[in-house]
Amino acid sequence: MTAPRIRIATVVKFILVCFVVGWVLKFVAIRPIEIWHWVQRTAQHFGQLALDIGQWALPYIIVGAGVVVPVLVIRAVYRYLKGRPS
């Protein structure tokens, strides 16, 4: 497998995009570290939300499994016995 060829035009576009993004961030007074901290806080909030949902849902899942699992076992046994030759 050969490495992709990097063209001068691609490098120039990359530099121009970096310049524009940097200029916009400077213009609105946002430092890159602030973006990184926002990403970290957002990930932490998402993780906490997932844990909260899990803690809320787990009791319902366990109670539901108390009904669903026996029904599935009875159904599987019935199908097994039905398909077995007499």
N, C-alpha and C. Protein backbone atom coordinates (compact mmCIF):
# COMPACT_ATOMS: atom_id res chain seq x y z
N MET A 1 0.85 -1.17 0.00
CA MET A 1 0.00 0.00 0.00
C MET A 1 0.89 1.24 0.00
N THR A 2 0.62 2.16 -0.88
CA THR A 2 1.45 3.35 -0.97
C THR A 2 0.83 4.48 -0.16
N ALA A 3 1.69 5.36 0.31
CA ALA A 3 1.24 6.50 1.10
C ALA A 3 0.55 7.51 0.17
N PRO A 4 -0.47 8.19 0.67
CA PRO A 4 -1.14 9.18 -0.18
C PRO A 4 -0.20 10.35 -0.50
N ARG A 5 -0.36 10.89 -1.69
CA ARG A 5 0.47 12.02 -2.09
C ARG A 5 -0.11 13.31 -1.53
N ILE A 6 0.74 14.11 -0.97
CA ILE A 6 0.32 15.39 -0.41
C ILE A 6 0.67 16.47 -1.43
N ARG A 7 -0.34 17.20 -1.86
CA ARG A 7 -0.13 18.24 -2.86
C ARG A 7 0.07 19.58 -2.18
N ILE A 8 0.75 20.48 -2.88
CA ILE A 8 1.00 21.83 -2.35
C ILE A 8 -0.33 22.54 -2.11
N ALA A 9 -1.29 22.37 -3.00
CA ALA A 9 -2.59 23.03 -2.85
C ALA A 9 -3.28 22.57 -1.55
N THR A 10 -3.14 21.32 -1.22
CA THR A 10 -3.74 20.80 0.01
C THR A 10 -3.09 21.45 1.23
N VAL A 11 -1.77 21.58 1.20
CA VAL A 11 -1.05 22.21 2.31
C VAL A 11 -1.47 23.67 2.45
N VAL A 12 -1.57 24.38 1.32
CA VAL A 12 -1.97 25.79 1.37
C VAL A 12 -3.38 25.93 1.92
N LYS A 13 -4.31 25.07 1.48
CA LYS A 13 -5.69 25.11 2.00
C LYS A 13 -5.71 24.86 3.51
N PHE A 14 -4.91 23.89 3.93
CA PHE A 14 -4.83 23.56 5.36
C PHE A 14 -4.35 24.77 6.16
N ILE A 15 -3.31 25.43 5.67
CA ILE A 15 -2.77 26.59 6.37
C ILE A 15 -3.79 27.72 6.40
N LEU A 16 -4.49 27.95 5.29
CA LEU A 16 -5.50 29.01 5.25
C LEU A 16 -6.66 28.72 6.21
N VAL A 17 -7.11 27.47 6.27
CA VAL A 17 -8.19 27.13 7.19
C VAL A 17 -7.73 27.32 8.63
N CYS A 18 -6.51 26.89 8.94
CA CYS A 18 -5.97 27.10 10.30
C CYS A 18 -5.91 28.58 10.64
N PHE A 19 -5.48 29.39 9.68
CA PHE A 19 -5.39 30.84 9.90
C PHE A 19 -6.77 31.43 10.18
N VAL A 20 -7.75 31.07 9.36
CA VAL A 20 -9.09 31.63 9.53
C VAL A 20 -9.69 31.21 10.86
N VAL A 21 -9.56 29.93 11.22
CA VAL A 21 -10.09 29.46 12.49
C VAL A 21 -9.39 30.17 13.65
N GLY A 22 -8.07 30.29 13.57
CA GLY A 22 -7.33 30.99 14.62
C GLY A 22 -7.73 32.45 14.73
N TRP A 23 -7.95 33.11 13.59
CA TRP A 23 -8.34 34.51 13.60
C TRP A 23 -9.72 34.68 14.22
N VAL A 24 -10.66 33.79 13.87
CA VAL A 24 -12.01 33.86 14.43
C VAL A 24 -11.96 33.63 15.94
N LEU A 25 -11.20 32.64 16.38
CA LEU A 25 -11.10 32.39 17.82
C LEU A 25 -10.50 33.58 18.54
N LYS A 26 -9.49 34.20 17.96
CA LYS A 26 -8.88 35.39 18.57
C LYS A 26 -9.87 36.55 18.58
N PHE A 27 -10.63 36.70 17.50
CA PHE A 27 -11.59 37.78 17.39
C PHE A 27 -12.68 37.67 18.45
N VAL A 28 -13.15 36.46 18.73
CA VAL A 28 -14.20 36.28 19.74
C VAL A 28 -13.62 35.98 21.12
N ALA A 29 -12.31 36.08 21.25
CA ALA A 29 -11.60 35.93 22.53
C ALA A 29 -11.82 34.56 23.16
N ILE A 30 -11.67 33.54 22.35
CA ILE A 30 -11.76 32.17 22.87
C ILE A 30 -10.38 31.54 22.73
N ARG A 31 -9.89 31.00 23.84
CA ARG A 31 -8.60 30.31 23.80
C ARG A 31 -8.84 28.83 23.57
N PRO A 32 -7.94 28.16 22.87
CA PRO A 32 -8.12 26.72 22.61
C PRO A 32 -8.28 25.90 23.89
N ILE A 33 -7.62 26.30 24.98
CA ILE A 33 -7.75 25.54 26.22
C ILE A 33 -9.18 25.61 26.75
N GLU A 34 -9.88 26.72 26.49
CA GLU A 34 -11.27 26.83 26.91
C GLU A 34 -12.15 25.84 26.15
N ILE A 35 -11.85 25.64 24.88
CA ILE A 35 -12.59 24.66 24.09
C ILE A 35 -12.35 23.26 24.66
N TRP A 36 -11.09 22.96 24.98
CA TRP A 36 -10.74 21.65 25.55
C TRP A 36 -11.47 21.43 26.88
N HIS A 37 -11.51 22.45 27.73
CA HIS A 37 -12.21 22.32 29.02
C HIS A 37 -13.70 22.12 28.81
N TRP A 38 -14.28 22.81 27.80
CA TRP A 38 -15.69 22.63 27.51
C TRP A 38 -15.97 21.20 27.07
N VAL A 39 -15.09 20.64 26.22
CA VAL A 39 -15.26 19.26 25.76
C VAL A 39 -15.19 18.30 26.95
N GLN A 40 -14.23 18.54 27.87
CA GLN A 40 -14.11 17.68 29.04
C GLN A 40 -15.36 17.75 29.92
N ARG A 41 -15.83 18.98 30.18
CA ARG A 41 -17.04 19.13 31.01
C ARG A 41 -18.25 18.47 30.36
N THR A 42 -18.37 18.62 29.04
CA THR A 42 -19.49 18.02 28.33
C THR A 42 -19.43 16.50 28.44
N ALA A 43 -18.25 15.93 28.28
CA ALA A 43 -18.10 14.47 28.40
C ALA A 43 -18.43 14.01 29.82
N GLN A 44 -18.00 14.77 30.82
CA GLN A 44 -18.32 14.40 32.20
C GLN A 44 -19.82 14.47 32.45
N HIS A 45 -20.48 15.52 31.95
CA HIS A 45 -21.92 15.64 32.13
C HIS A 45 -22.65 14.50 31.41
N PHE A 46 -22.19 14.14 30.21
CA PHE A 46 -22.80 13.04 29.48
C PHE A 46 -22.63 11.73 30.24
N GLY A 47 -21.44 11.51 30.79
CA GLY A 47 -21.20 10.29 31.57
C GLY A 47 -22.08 10.24 32.80
N GLN A 48 -22.23 11.36 33.50
CA GLN A 48 -23.08 11.42 34.68
C GLN A 48 -24.54 11.18 34.30
N LEU A 49 -24.96 11.73 33.17
CA LEU A 49 -26.32 11.52 32.70
C LEU A 49 -26.56 10.03 32.40
N ALA A 50 -25.58 9.38 31.77
CA ALA A 50 -25.71 7.95 31.47
C ALA A 50 -25.81 7.15 32.76
N LEU A 51 -25.02 7.49 33.78
CA LEU A 51 -25.10 6.80 35.06
C LEU A 51 -26.45 7.03 35.73
N ASP A 52 -26.94 8.26 35.69
CA ASP A 52 -28.25 8.56 36.29
C ASP A 52 -29.37 7.78 35.60
N ILE A 53 -29.31 7.71 34.27
CA ILE A 53 -30.33 6.95 33.54
C ILE A 53 -30.24 5.47 33.91
N GLY A 54 -29.02 4.96 34.01
CA GLY A 54 -28.84 3.56 34.38
C GLY A 54 -29.37 3.26 35.78
N GLN A 55 -29.10 4.16 36.73
CA GLN A 55 -29.58 3.96 38.09
C GLN A 55 -31.11 4.04 38.16
N TRP A 56 -31.69 4.87 37.31
CA TRP A 56 -33.14 4.97 37.28
C TRP A 56 -33.77 3.75 36.63
N ALA A 57 -33.17 3.25 35.54
CA ALA A 57 -33.78 2.19 34.74
C ALA A 57 -33.52 0.79 35.30
N LEU A 58 -32.41 0.59 35.98
CA LEU A 58 -32.02 -0.75 36.42
C LEU A 58 -33.09 -1.47 37.24
N PRO A 59 -33.72 -0.83 38.23
CA PRO A 59 -34.76 -1.54 38.98
C PRO A 59 -35.91 -2.02 38.09
N TYR A 60 -36.31 -1.21 37.10
CA TYR A 60 -37.39 -1.60 36.20
C TYR A 60 -36.97 -2.77 35.32
N ILE A 61 -35.72 -2.76 34.88
CA ILE A 61 -35.21 -3.85 34.05
C ILE A 61 -35.21 -5.15 34.84
N ILE A 62 -34.77 -5.09 36.09
CA ILE A 62 -34.73 -6.30 36.93
C ILE A 62 -36.13 -6.84 37.18
N VAL A 63 -37.07 -5.98 37.50
CA VAL A 63 -38.45 -6.42 37.73
C VAL A 63 -39.04 -7.02 36.46
N GLY A 64 -38.79 -6.36 35.33
CA GLY A 64 -39.29 -6.88 34.05
C GLY A 64 -38.68 -8.22 33.71
N ALA A 65 -37.39 -8.39 34.01
CA ALA A 65 -36.72 -9.66 33.73
C ALA A 65 -37.33 -10.78 34.57
N GLY A 66 -37.83 -10.44 35.75
CA GLY A 66 -38.48 -11.45 36.60
C GLY A 66 -39.71 -12.05 35.96
N VAL A 67 -40.31 -11.33 35.02
CA VAL A 67 -41.48 -11.84 34.30
C VAL A 67 -41.07 -12.41 32.94
N VAL A 68 -40.22 -11.69 32.23
CA VAL A 68 -39.88 -12.06 30.85
C VAL A 68 -39.04 -13.33 30.79
N VAL A 69 -38.07 -13.50 31.66
CA VAL A 69 -37.18 -14.67 31.60
C VAL A 69 -37.96 -15.96 31.80
N PRO A 70 -38.80 -16.08 32.81
CA PRO A 70 -39.57 -17.33 32.94
C PRO A 70 -40.47 -17.61 31.71
N VAL A 71 -41.06 -16.57 31.15
CA VAL A 71 -41.90 -16.76 29.97
C VAL A 71 -41.07 -17.29 28.81
N LEU A 72 -39.86 -16.73 28.60
CA LEU A 72 -39.00 -17.21 27.53
C LEU A 72 -38.53 -18.64 27.78
N VAL A 73 -38.28 -18.99 29.02
CA VAL A 73 -37.85 -20.36 29.34
C VAL A 73 -38.99 -21.33 29.06
N ILE A 74 -40.19 -20.99 29.50
CA ILE A 74 -41.35 -21.86 29.25
C ILE A 74 -41.58 -22.01 27.75
N ARG A 75 -41.47 -20.93 27.02
CA ARG A 75 -41.64 -20.96 25.56
C ARG A 75 -40.59 -21.85 24.90
N ALA A 76 -39.33 -21.75 25.33
CA ALA A 76 -38.26 -22.57 24.76
C ALA A 76 -38.48 -24.04 25.07
N VAL A 77 -38.88 -24.35 26.29
CA VAL A 77 -39.16 -25.75 26.66
C VAL A 77 -40.33 -26.28 25.84
N TYR A 78 -41.36 -25.49 25.68
CA TYR A 78 -42.53 -25.91 24.89
C TYR A 78 -42.13 -26.21 23.45
N ARG A 79 -41.35 -25.32 22.84
CA ARG A 79 -40.90 -25.55 21.47
C ARG A 79 -40.01 -26.79 21.37
N TYR A 80 -39.18 -27.00 22.36
CA TYR A 80 -38.32 -28.19 22.36
C TYR A 80 -39.16 -29.45 22.43
N LEU A 81 -40.12 -29.49 23.36
CA LEU A 81 -40.97 -30.66 23.52
C LEU A 81 -41.86 -30.88 22.31
N LYS A 82 -42.32 -29.80 21.67
CA LYS A 82 -43.18 -29.88 20.51
C LYS A 82 -42.42 -30.46 19.30
N GLY A 83 -41.16 -30.14 19.16
CA GLY A 83 -40.38 -30.60 18.03
C GLY A 83 -39.77 -31.98 18.23
N ARG A 84 -39.80 -32.50 19.44
CA ARG A 84 -39.22 -33.80 19.74
C ARG A 84 -40.16 -34.92 19.26
N PRO A 85 -39.57 -35.95 18.63
CA PRO A 85 -40.44 -37.06 18.20
C PRO A 85 -41.03 -37.83 19.39
N SER A 86 -42.25 -38.27 19.23
CA SER A 86 -42.96 -38.99 20.32
C SER A 86 -42.47 -40.40 20.49
